[in-house]
Amino acid sequence: MSPVTMGVDGAGDILVPTYPERAKARNARRNPRAAVCVLSDSFNGDWVQVDGAVTAVDQPAAIDDLVSYYRSISGEHPDWAEYREAMVRQGKVLLRLTVERWGPISRGGFPERLVDPTS
């Protein structure tokens, strides 16, 4: 497992951009099952494991999915033509994980007896 930035599209699929030579892309092609660990923003916060079917979407089909990814994490791009050109030039691949199972949400962190209620 490796840390990634991910987005979520309108269908609830998890979107992960990567390069075709990365292990995550090779693994998705070899085994159509994947898991991601989604962490909260704070250290010691909640987290959840999400499992599902994963597909690697190559160029040129990946472009629309890469746009969906960008929109889900950053909103509108100031120059979509420039963004699309950069994704083609970089040969970006998009991994699409269709969520089939998740949970439970881990409350993790320190045991309650070690948490200082005044901090």
Protein backbone atom coordinates (compact mmCIF):
# COMPACT_ATOMS: atom_id res chain seq x y z
CA MET A 1 0.00 0.00 0.00
CA SER A 2 1.24 3.49 -0.76
CA PRO A 3 -0.03 6.94 0.14
CA VAL A 4 -2.06 8.58 -2.64
CA THR A 5 -4.27 11.56 -3.23
CA MET A 6 -7.72 10.39 -4.22
CA GLY A 7 -10.97 11.89 -5.32
CA VAL A 8 -14.51 10.60 -5.50
CA ASP A 9 -16.73 10.94 -8.56
CA GLY A 10 -20.50 11.37 -8.74
CA ALA A 11 -21.03 7.59 -8.75
CA GLY A 12 -19.03 7.20 -5.52
CA ASP A 13 -16.02 5.58 -7.21
CA ILE A 14 -12.60 6.41 -5.80
CA LEU A 15 -10.29 7.98 -8.40
CA VAL A 16 -6.50 7.78 -8.15
CA PRO A 17 -4.23 9.28 -10.82
CA THR A 18 -0.88 7.61 -11.39
CA TYR A 19 1.68 6.68 -14.02
CA PRO A 20 1.53 3.40 -15.95
CA GLU A 21 4.91 2.24 -14.64
CA ARG A 22 3.99 2.60 -10.96
CA ALA A 23 3.36 -0.52 -8.88
CA LYS A 24 -0.24 0.48 -8.16
CA ALA A 25 -1.05 0.58 -11.89
CA ARG A 26 0.73 -2.73 -12.54
CA ASN A 27 -1.04 -4.32 -9.56
CA ALA A 28 -4.45 -3.09 -10.76
CA ARG A 29 -3.83 -4.70 -14.14
CA ARG A 30 -2.71 -7.97 -12.55
CA ASN A 31 -5.43 -8.21 -9.91
CA PRO A 32 -8.77 -6.42 -10.31
CA ARG A 33 -9.26 -6.22 -6.50
CA ALA A 34 -7.88 -3.38 -4.38
CA ALA A 35 -8.13 -1.74 -0.99
CA VAL A 36 -7.45 1.78 0.19
CA CYS A 37 -7.04 3.08 3.70
CA VAL A 38 -8.74 6.47 4.06
CA LEU A 39 -7.30 8.57 6.88
CA SER A 40 -8.81 11.56 8.63
CA ASP A 41 -7.10 14.93 8.43
CA SER A 42 -5.71 14.70 11.95
CA PHE A 43 -3.11 12.36 13.36
CA ASN A 44 -4.72 9.88 15.72
CA GLY A 45 -8.06 10.38 13.96
CA ASP A 46 -10.58 8.01 12.46
CA TRP A 47 -9.80 5.85 9.44
CA VAL A 48 -11.55 3.25 7.32
CA GLN A 49 -10.57 0.55 4.84
CA VAL A 50 -12.44 0.52 1.53
CA ASP A 51 -12.38 -2.55 -0.75
CA GLY A 52 -13.60 -3.05 -4.28
CA ALA A 53 -12.99 -3.73 -7.94
CA VAL A 54 -10.28 -1.62 -9.53
CA THR A 55 -9.69 -0.80 -13.18
CA ALA A 56 -6.79 1.04 -14.79
CA VAL A 57 -8.05 3.52 -17.39
CA ASP A 58 -5.42 4.39 -20.01
CA GLN A 59 -5.09 7.31 -22.40
CA PRO A 60 -7.10 8.63 -24.18
CA ALA A 61 -10.08 7.29 -22.20
CA ALA A 62 -8.50 8.45 -18.93
CA ILE A 63 -8.81 12.15 -19.75
CA ASP A 64 -12.46 12.58 -18.71
CA ASP A 65 -11.83 10.57 -15.53
CA LEU A 66 -8.77 12.71 -14.73
CA VAL A 67 -10.94 15.82 -15.14
CA SER A 68 -13.47 14.29 -12.72
CA TYR A 69 -10.65 13.57 -10.29
CA TYR A 70 -9.35 17.15 -10.45
CA ARG A 71 -12.82 18.61 -9.99
CA SER A 72 -13.45 16.42 -6.94
CA ILE A 73 -10.35 17.65 -5.12
CA SER A 74 -9.84 21.19 -6.46
CA GLY A 75 -12.93 22.41 -8.29
CA GLU A 76 -12.61 24.07 -11.66
CA HIS A 77 -9.25 24.37 -13.42
CA PRO A 78 -8.37 27.78 -14.89
CA ASP A 79 -7.42 26.19 -18.23
CA TRP A 80 -8.90 22.75 -18.98
CA ALA A 81 -7.13 22.50 -22.34
CA GLU A 82 -3.79 23.00 -20.60
CA TYR A 83 -4.69 20.41 -17.94
CA ARG A 84 -5.73 17.85 -20.56
CA GLU A 85 -2.51 18.44 -22.53
CA ALA A 86 -0.43 17.94 -19.38
CA MET A 87 -2.21 14.65 -18.58
CA VAL A 88 -1.60 13.37 -22.13
CA ARG A 89 2.03 14.55 -22.11
CA GLN A 90 2.64 12.83 -18.76
CA GLY A 91 0.84 9.66 -19.91
CA LYS A 92 -1.30 9.66 -16.77
CA VAL A 93 -3.44 6.63 -15.95
CA LEU A 94 -6.52 6.77 -13.76
CA LEU A 95 -7.31 4.00 -11.29
CA ARG A 96 -11.04 3.66 -10.62
CA LEU A 97 -12.04 1.75 -7.50
CA THR A 98 -15.71 0.78 -7.36
CA VAL A 99 -16.54 0.53 -3.67
CA GLU A 100 -18.02 -2.83 -2.70
CA ARG A 101 -17.28 -2.92 1.02
CA TRP A 102 -16.00 -0.54 3.67
CA GLY A 103 -15.59 -0.34 7.39
CA PRO A 104 -15.75 -0.47 10.14
CA ILE A 105 -14.67 3.08 10.89
CA SER A 106 -11.80 2.80 13.32
CA ARG A 107 -11.90 5.22 16.18
CA GLY A 108 -8.28 4.17 16.72
CA GLY A 109 -5.89 6.41 18.50
CA PHE A 110 -5.04 6.49 22.14
CA PRO A 111 -7.17 4.57 24.62
CA GLU A 112 -9.66 6.83 26.38
CA ARG A 113 -7.79 6.42 29.68
CA LEU A 114 -4.75 8.16 28.13
CA VAL A 115 -6.57 11.13 26.62
CA ASP A 116 -6.28 14.34 28.61
CA PRO A 117 -9.74 15.97 28.55
CA THR A 118 -8.19 19.41 29.22
CA SER A 119 -6.07 19.43 26.06
